[in-house]
Amino acid sequence: MVLRYDVKGLDCAHCAANLESEIAEIEGVISASVSFMTLKIELEFEDKKKDAVLEKVMKLVADEELEITLDEE
């Protein structure tokens, strides 16, 4: 499953790279991309681990004082 999010509060490319690395380490995540240029997160993960993955991603985002909203496009 792939979900895309808009992200607010991301200050720099280094912060985006760090967040991308942290998300990629979550069990069940297949791939993660965090773009400072577009302020988007693309997250691919195993369907059966959706709830656990999203819970951990939301915690990481909150810990970094960022806001994300599902990109409906």
C-alpha atoms as a PDB file:
ATOM      1  CA  MET A   1       0.000   0.000   0.000  1.00  0.00           C
ATOM      2  CA  VAL A   2       1.235   3.514  -0.826  1.00  0.00           C
ATOM      3  CA  LEU A   3       0.072   6.691   0.905  1.00  0.00           C
ATOM      4  CA  ARG A   4       1.144  10.262   0.249  1.00  0.00           C
ATOM      5  CA  TYR A   5       1.059  13.070   2.778  1.00  0.00           C
ATOM      6  CA  ASP A   6       1.550  16.833   2.732  1.00  0.00           C
ATOM      7  CA  VAL A   7       3.895  17.903   5.515  1.00  0.00           C
ATOM      8  CA  LYS A   8       4.044  21.251   7.352  1.00  0.00           C
ATOM      9  CA  GLY A   9       6.866  22.452   9.553  1.00  0.00           C
ATOM     10  CA  LEU A  10       9.776  20.797   7.755  1.00  0.00           C
ATOM     11  CA  ASP A  11      12.691  23.254   8.048  1.00  0.00           C
ATOM     12  CA  CYS A  12      15.460  21.855   5.858  1.00  0.00           C
ATOM     13  CA  ALA A  13      16.616  19.083   3.537  1.00  0.00           C
ATOM     14  CA  HIS A  14      18.713  17.565   6.328  1.00  0.00           C
ATOM     15  CA  CYS A  15      15.611  17.294   8.534  1.00  0.00           C
ATOM     16  CA  ALA A  16      13.748  15.635   5.654  1.00  0.00           C
ATOM     17  CA  ALA A  17      16.576  13.125   5.175  1.00  0.00           C
ATOM     18  CA  ASN A  18      16.626  12.300   8.891  1.00  0.00           C
ATOM     19  CA  LEU A  19      12.857  11.791   8.979  1.00  0.00           C
ATOM     20  CA  GLU A  20      13.025   9.620   5.862  1.00  0.00           C
ATOM     21  CA  SER A  21      15.685   7.413   7.504  1.00  0.00           C
ATOM     22  CA  GLU A  22      13.664   7.079  10.701  1.00  0.00           C
ATOM     23  CA  ILE A  23      10.494   6.148   8.806  1.00  0.00           C
ATOM     24  CA  ALA A  24      12.386   3.638   6.634  1.00  0.00           C
ATOM     25  CA  GLU A  25      13.517   1.793   9.786  1.00  0.00           C
ATOM     26  CA  ILE A  26       9.943   1.081  10.932  1.00  0.00           C
ATOM     27  CA  GLU A  27       9.034  -2.580  10.639  1.00  0.00           C
ATOM     28  CA  GLY A  28       6.653  -3.098   7.733  1.00  0.00           C
ATOM     29  CA  VAL A  29       7.824  -0.064   5.736  1.00  0.00           C
ATOM     30  CA  ILE A  30       8.908  -1.025   2.234  1.00  0.00           C
ATOM     31  CA  SER A  31      10.055   2.443   1.188  1.00  0.00           C
ATOM     32  CA  ALA A  32       9.816   6.017   2.385  1.00  0.00           C
ATOM     33  CA  SER A  33      10.493   9.296   0.645  1.00  0.00           C
ATOM     34  CA  VAL A  34      10.433  12.691   2.356  1.00  0.00           C
ATOM     35  CA  SER A  35      10.895  15.688   0.075  1.00  0.00           C
ATOM     36  CA  PHE A  36      11.801  19.100   1.445  1.00  0.00           C
ATOM     37  CA  MET A  37      11.297  20.652  -2.001  1.00  0.00           C
ATOM     38  CA  THR A  38       7.682  19.492  -2.395  1.00  0.00           C
ATOM     39  CA  LEU A  39       6.876  19.081   1.323  1.00  0.00           C
ATOM     40  CA  LYS A  40       5.564  15.573   0.651  1.00  0.00           C
ATOM     41  CA  ILE A  41       5.985  12.181   2.265  1.00  0.00           C
ATOM     42  CA  GLU A  42       5.435   9.036   0.214  1.00  0.00           C
ATOM     43  CA  LEU A  43       5.148   5.892   2.254  1.00  0.00           C
ATOM     44  CA  GLU A  44       4.930   2.325   0.964  1.00  0.00           C
ATOM     45  CA  PHE A  45       4.258  -0.401   3.493  1.00  0.00           C
ATOM     46  CA  GLU A  46       2.915  -3.906   3.948  1.00  0.00           C
ATOM     47  CA  ASP A  47      -0.894  -3.856   3.982  1.00  0.00           C
ATOM     48  CA  LYS A  48      -1.124  -6.186   6.970  1.00  0.00           C
ATOM     49  CA  LYS A  49       1.019  -3.831   9.086  1.00  0.00           C
ATOM     50  CA  LYS A  50      -0.827  -0.625   8.144  1.00  0.00           C
ATOM     51  CA  ASP A  51      -2.095   0.266  11.626  1.00  0.00           C
ATOM     52  CA  ALA A  52       1.241  -0.312  13.365  1.00  0.00           C
ATOM     53  CA  VAL A  53       3.201   1.539  10.682  1.00  0.00           C
ATOM     54  CA  LEU A  54       0.893   4.553  10.653  1.00  0.00           C
ATOM     55  CA  GLU A  55       0.884   4.746  14.450  1.00  0.00           C
ATOM     56  CA  LYS A  56       4.696   4.867  14.512  1.00  0.00           C
ATOM     57  CA  VAL A  57       4.880   7.386  11.653  1.00  0.00           C
ATOM     58  CA  MET A  58       2.394   9.669  13.423  1.00  0.00           C
ATOM     59  CA  LYS A  59       4.458   9.465  16.607  1.00  0.00           C
ATOM     60  CA  LEU A  60       7.671  10.353  14.740  1.00  0.00           C
ATOM     61  CA  VAL A  61       5.964  13.285  13.057  1.00  0.00           C
ATOM     62  CA  ALA A  62       4.526  14.538  16.351  1.00  0.00           C
ATOM     63  CA  ASP A  63       7.907  14.178  18.083  1.00  0.00           C
ATOM     64  CA  GLU A  64       9.432  16.381  15.360  1.00  0.00           C
ATOM     65  CA  GLU A  65       6.585  18.912  15.815  1.00  0.00           C
ATOM     66  CA  LEU A  66       5.436  18.451  12.223  1.00  0.00           C
ATOM     67  CA  GLU A  67       1.929  18.194  10.835  1.00  0.00           C
ATOM     68  CA  ILE A  68       0.916  15.817   8.066  1.00  0.00           C
ATOM     69  CA  THR A  69      -2.324  15.475   6.153  1.00  0.00           C
ATOM     70  CA  LEU A  70      -3.258  12.811   3.669  1.00  0.00           C
ATOM     71  CA  ASP A  71      -2.685  13.949   0.085  1.00  0.00           C
ATOM     72  CA  GLU A  72      -5.992  13.172  -1.618  1.00  0.00           C
ATOM     73  CA  GLU A  73      -4.687  13.719  -5.179  1.00  0.00           C
END
